[in-house]
């Protein structure tokens, strides 16, 4: 496994959030208030770093698999947090 796979996963995780922000701008909507808070960026950075660990845990052997894990990490964590808050 290449050490670059960690970077690919982190990049995928960050790009997933960029895509969400772009979607708001594309629809001519104002960015959500979360983008104005420093705590959002701290948590988002932690999620991105956590996504970087996933290729190591799952021992992926391709860059595309590492990137895909990175993109999926924030989506899975978001759904998990919604499930926990509803209980």
N, C-alpha and C. Protein backbone atom coordinates (compact mmCIF):
# COMPACT_ATOMS: atom_id res chain seq x y z
N UNK A 1 0.84 -1.18 0.00
CA UNK A 1 0.00 0.00 0.00
C UNK A 1 0.88 1.24 0.00
N UNK A 2 0.54 2.19 -0.84
CA UNK A 2 1.28 3.44 -0.93
C UNK A 2 0.84 4.40 0.16
N UNK A 3 1.78 5.19 0.67
CA UNK A 3 1.44 6.21 1.66
C UNK A 3 0.55 7.29 1.05
N UNK A 4 0.56 7.40 -0.26
CA UNK A 4 -0.30 8.39 -0.92
C UNK A 4 -1.77 8.04 -0.78
N UNK A 5 -2.09 6.82 -0.50
CA UNK A 5 -3.50 6.43 -0.36
C UNK A 5 -4.15 7.17 0.79
N UNK A 6 -3.40 7.44 1.83
CA UNK A 6 -3.94 8.22 2.95
C UNK A 6 -4.31 9.62 2.46
N UNK A 7 -3.44 10.21 1.67
CA UNK A 7 -3.71 11.54 1.11
C UNK A 7 -4.91 11.51 0.18
N UNK A 8 -5.06 10.46 -0.61
CA UNK A 8 -6.22 10.34 -1.50
C UNK A 8 -7.51 10.28 -0.69
N UNK A 9 -7.51 9.57 0.41
CA UNK A 9 -8.71 9.46 1.23
C UNK A 9 -9.05 10.79 1.89
N UNK A 10 -8.06 11.49 2.40
CA UNK A 10 -8.30 12.80 3.00
C UNK A 10 -8.83 13.77 1.94
N UNK A 11 -8.23 13.75 0.76
CA UNK A 11 -8.69 14.61 -0.33
C UNK A 11 -10.13 14.29 -0.70
N UNK A 12 -10.47 13.03 -0.79
CA UNK A 12 -11.85 12.64 -1.10
C UNK A 12 -12.83 13.14 -0.06
N UNK A 13 -12.43 13.09 1.19
CA UNK A 13 -13.28 13.55 2.28
C UNK A 13 -13.51 15.06 2.19
N UNK A 14 -12.47 15.81 1.92
CA UNK A 14 -12.59 17.27 1.81
C UNK A 14 -13.42 17.64 0.58
N UNK A 15 -13.19 16.94 -0.52
CA UNK A 15 -13.94 17.24 -1.74
C UNK A 15 -15.44 16.94 -1.59
N UNK A 16 -15.80 16.00 -0.75
CA UNK A 16 -17.21 15.72 -0.51
C UNK A 16 -17.89 16.95 0.10
N UNK A 17 -17.21 17.62 1.02
CA UNK A 17 -17.77 18.83 1.62
C UNK A 17 -17.77 19.98 0.62
N UNK A 18 -16.74 20.07 -0.20
CA UNK A 18 -16.70 21.10 -1.24
C UNK A 18 -17.87 20.93 -2.21
N UNK A 19 -18.20 19.70 -2.54
CA UNK A 19 -19.32 19.43 -3.44
C UNK A 19 -20.64 19.88 -2.81
N UNK A 20 -20.78 19.69 -1.50
CA UNK A 20 -22.01 20.12 -0.82
C UNK A 20 -22.12 21.64 -0.84
N UNK A 21 -21.02 22.33 -0.60
CA UNK A 21 -21.03 23.80 -0.64
C UNK A 21 -21.31 24.29 -2.06
N UNK A 22 -20.69 23.66 -3.03
CA UNK A 22 -20.92 24.04 -4.42
C UNK A 22 -22.38 23.86 -4.81
N UNK A 23 -23.00 22.81 -4.33
CA UNK A 23 -24.41 22.55 -4.65
C UNK A 23 -25.29 23.70 -4.15
N UNK A 24 -25.00 24.22 -2.97
CA UNK A 24 -25.76 25.37 -2.44
C UNK A 24 -25.55 26.60 -3.33
N UNK A 25 -24.30 26.85 -3.70
CA UNK A 25 -24.00 28.02 -4.54
C UNK A 25 -24.59 27.88 -5.93
N UNK A 26 -24.59 26.67 -6.46
CA UNK A 26 -25.13 26.42 -7.79
C UNK A 26 -26.62 26.73 -7.84
N UNK A 27 -27.31 26.47 -6.74
CA UNK A 27 -28.75 26.74 -6.67
C UNK A 27 -29.05 28.16 -6.23
N UNK A 28 -28.01 29.00 -6.22
CA UNK A 28 -28.15 30.40 -5.79
C UNK A 28 -28.68 30.53 -4.38
N UNK A 29 -28.28 29.61 -3.52
CA UNK A 29 -28.66 29.69 -2.12
C UNK A 29 -27.48 30.20 -1.31
N UNK A 30 -27.80 30.75 -0.18
CA UNK A 30 -26.75 31.18 0.73
C UNK A 30 -26.13 29.95 1.37
N UNK A 31 -24.84 30.03 1.66
CA UNK A 31 -24.18 28.90 2.34
C UNK A 31 -24.78 28.74 3.73
N UNK A 32 -24.91 27.50 4.19
CA UNK A 32 -25.43 27.27 5.54
C UNK A 32 -24.57 27.93 6.61
N UNK A 33 -25.18 28.24 7.73
CA UNK A 33 -24.50 28.93 8.83
C UNK A 33 -23.32 28.14 9.37
N UNK A 34 -23.31 26.84 9.18
CA UNK A 34 -22.22 26.02 9.72
C UNK A 34 -20.86 26.43 9.15
N UNK A 35 -20.85 26.98 7.94
CA UNK A 35 -19.60 27.39 7.31
C UNK A 35 -19.00 28.64 7.96
N UNK A 36 -19.75 29.30 8.81
CA UNK A 36 -19.26 30.50 9.49
C UNK A 36 -18.65 30.18 10.86
N UNK A 37 -18.74 28.94 11.28
CA UNK A 37 -18.26 28.55 12.61
C UNK A 37 -16.94 27.80 12.53
N UNK A 38 -16.01 28.20 13.38
CA UNK A 38 -14.70 27.54 13.42
C UNK A 38 -14.84 26.09 13.88
N UNK A 39 -15.79 25.82 14.76
CA UNK A 39 -15.96 24.46 15.26
C UNK A 39 -16.32 23.50 14.12
N UNK A 40 -17.02 23.99 13.11
CA UNK A 40 -17.34 23.15 11.96
C UNK A 40 -16.06 22.68 11.27
N UNK A 41 -15.12 23.60 11.08
CA UNK A 41 -13.87 23.25 10.39
C UNK A 41 -12.99 22.33 11.22
N UNK A 42 -13.06 22.47 12.54
CA UNK A 42 -12.29 21.57 13.41
C UNK A 42 -12.85 20.15 13.30
N UNK A 43 -14.16 20.03 13.40
CA UNK A 43 -14.80 18.70 13.30
C UNK A 43 -14.61 18.12 11.91
N UNK A 44 -14.77 18.96 10.90
CA UNK A 44 -14.62 18.49 9.52
C UNK A 44 -13.19 18.03 9.25
N UNK A 45 -12.23 18.73 9.82
CA UNK A 45 -10.83 18.32 9.69
C UNK A 45 -10.58 16.98 10.37
N UNK A 46 -11.20 16.79 11.53
CA UNK A 46 -11.05 15.51 12.24
C UNK A 46 -11.66 14.37 11.43
N UNK A 47 -12.78 14.63 10.80
CA UNK A 47 -13.41 13.60 9.96
C UNK A 47 -12.51 13.28 8.77
N UNK A 48 -11.93 14.31 8.17
CA UNK A 48 -11.03 14.09 7.02
C UNK A 48 -9.81 13.28 7.43
N UNK A 49 -9.25 13.59 8.58
CA UNK A 49 -8.10 12.81 9.07
C UNK A 49 -8.51 11.37 9.39
N UNK A 50 -9.69 11.22 9.96
CA UNK A 50 -10.20 9.88 10.22
C UNK A 50 -10.39 9.09 8.93
N UNK A 51 -10.83 9.78 7.89
CA UNK A 51 -10.99 9.13 6.59
C UNK A 51 -9.65 8.66 6.05
N UNK A 52 -8.59 9.39 6.39
CA UNK A 52 -7.26 9.00 5.95
C UNK A 52 -6.77 7.70 6.54
N UNK A 53 -7.33 7.33 7.66
CA UNK A 53 -6.95 6.07 8.32
C UNK A 53 -7.63 4.86 7.66
N UNK A 54 -8.75 5.09 7.03
CA UNK A 54 -9.53 3.98 6.47
C UNK A 54 -8.77 3.12 5.46
N UNK A 55 -7.99 3.70 4.54
CA UNK A 55 -7.24 2.83 3.62
C UNK A 55 -6.26 1.90 4.33
N UNK A 56 -5.74 2.35 5.46
CA UNK A 56 -4.82 1.50 6.23
C UNK A 56 -5.60 0.37 6.89
N UNK A 57 -6.74 0.71 7.48
CA UNK A 57 -7.56 -0.29 8.17
C UNK A 57 -8.05 -1.36 7.19
N UNK A 58 -8.51 -0.92 6.03
CA UNK A 58 -9.07 -1.86 5.06
C UNK A 58 -8.04 -2.38 4.06
N UNK A 59 -6.80 -2.00 4.22
CA UNK A 59 -5.68 -2.41 3.36
C UNK A 59 -6.05 -2.37 1.87
N UNK A 60 -6.47 -1.20 1.43
CA UNK A 60 -6.83 -1.05 0.02
C UNK A 60 -5.57 -1.07 -0.84
N UNK A 61 -5.73 -1.48 -2.07
CA UNK A 61 -4.56 -1.59 -2.94
C UNK A 61 -4.68 -0.76 -4.21
N UNK A 62 -5.68 0.13 -4.27
CA UNK A 62 -5.79 1.04 -5.41
C UNK A 62 -6.09 2.45 -4.91
N UNK A 63 -5.65 3.42 -5.67
CA UNK A 63 -5.89 4.83 -5.32
C UNK A 63 -7.37 5.16 -5.38
N UNK A 64 -8.08 4.59 -6.33
CA UNK A 64 -9.51 4.88 -6.45
C UNK A 64 -10.29 4.34 -5.26
N UNK A 65 -9.89 3.21 -4.73
CA UNK A 65 -10.56 2.68 -3.54
C UNK A 65 -10.30 3.58 -2.33
N UNK A 66 -9.09 4.08 -2.20
CA UNK A 66 -8.77 4.99 -1.10
C UNK A 66 -9.58 6.27 -1.21
N UNK A 67 -9.66 6.82 -2.42
CA UNK A 67 -10.43 8.04 -2.65
C UNK A 67 -11.91 7.82 -2.33
N UNK A 68 -12.44 6.68 -2.75
CA UNK A 68 -13.85 6.36 -2.50
C UNK A 68 -14.13 6.24 -1.01
N UNK A 69 -13.24 5.62 -0.28
CA UNK A 69 -13.40 5.55 1.18
C UNK A 69 -13.43 6.95 1.79
N UNK A 70 -12.58 7.83 1.29
CA UNK A 70 -12.55 9.20 1.79
C UNK A 70 -13.83 9.95 1.50
N UNK A 71 -14.37 9.79 0.31
CA UNK A 71 -15.62 10.45 -0.05
C UNK A 71 -16.77 9.92 0.81
N UNK A 72 -16.79 8.64 1.04
CA UNK A 72 -17.89 8.03 1.78
C UNK A 72 -17.86 8.28 3.28
N UNK A 73 -16.70 8.53 3.83
CA UNK A 73 -16.58 8.68 5.29
C UNK A 73 -17.48 9.77 5.86
N UNK A 74 -17.48 11.00 5.34
CA UNK A 74 -18.36 12.01 5.93
C UNK A 74 -19.84 11.70 5.75
N UNK A 75 -20.18 11.03 4.66
CA UNK A 75 -21.58 10.69 4.43
C UNK A 75 -22.06 9.66 5.45
N UNK A 76 -21.23 8.67 5.71
CA UNK A 76 -21.59 7.65 6.70
C UNK A 76 -21.65 8.25 8.10
N UNK A 77 -20.70 9.07 8.46
CA UNK A 77 -20.68 9.69 9.78
C UNK A 77 -21.90 10.61 9.95
N UNK A 78 -22.28 11.33 8.91
CA UNK A 78 -23.46 12.19 8.98
C UNK A 78 -24.72 11.37 9.24
N UNK A 79 -24.87 10.26 8.54
CA UNK A 79 -26.04 9.42 8.75
C UNK A 79 -26.04 8.79 10.14
N UNK A 80 -24.87 8.39 10.61
CA UNK A 80 -24.78 7.83 11.96
C UNK A 80 -25.18 8.86 13.01
N UNK A 81 -24.73 10.10 12.84
CA UNK A 81 -25.07 11.13 13.82
C UNK A 81 -26.55 11.44 13.81
N UNK A 82 -27.19 11.40 12.68
CA UNK A 82 -28.63 11.60 12.62
C UNK A 82 -29.38 10.47 13.30
N UNK A 83 -28.89 9.26 13.14
CA UNK A 83 -29.54 8.12 13.79
C UNK A 83 -29.42 8.19 15.29
N UNK A 84 -28.29 8.65 15.79
CA UNK A 84 -28.09 8.74 17.24
C UNK A 84 -28.91 9.89 17.82
N UNK A 85 -29.09 10.98 17.09
CA UNK A 85 -29.82 12.13 17.63
C UNK A 85 -31.32 11.89 17.65
N UNK A 86 -31.82 10.96 16.86
CA UNK A 86 -33.25 10.68 16.83
C UNK A 86 -33.68 9.76 17.98
N UNK A 87 -32.74 9.17 18.66
CA UNK A 87 -33.10 8.23 19.74
C UNK A 87 -33.31 8.92 21.03
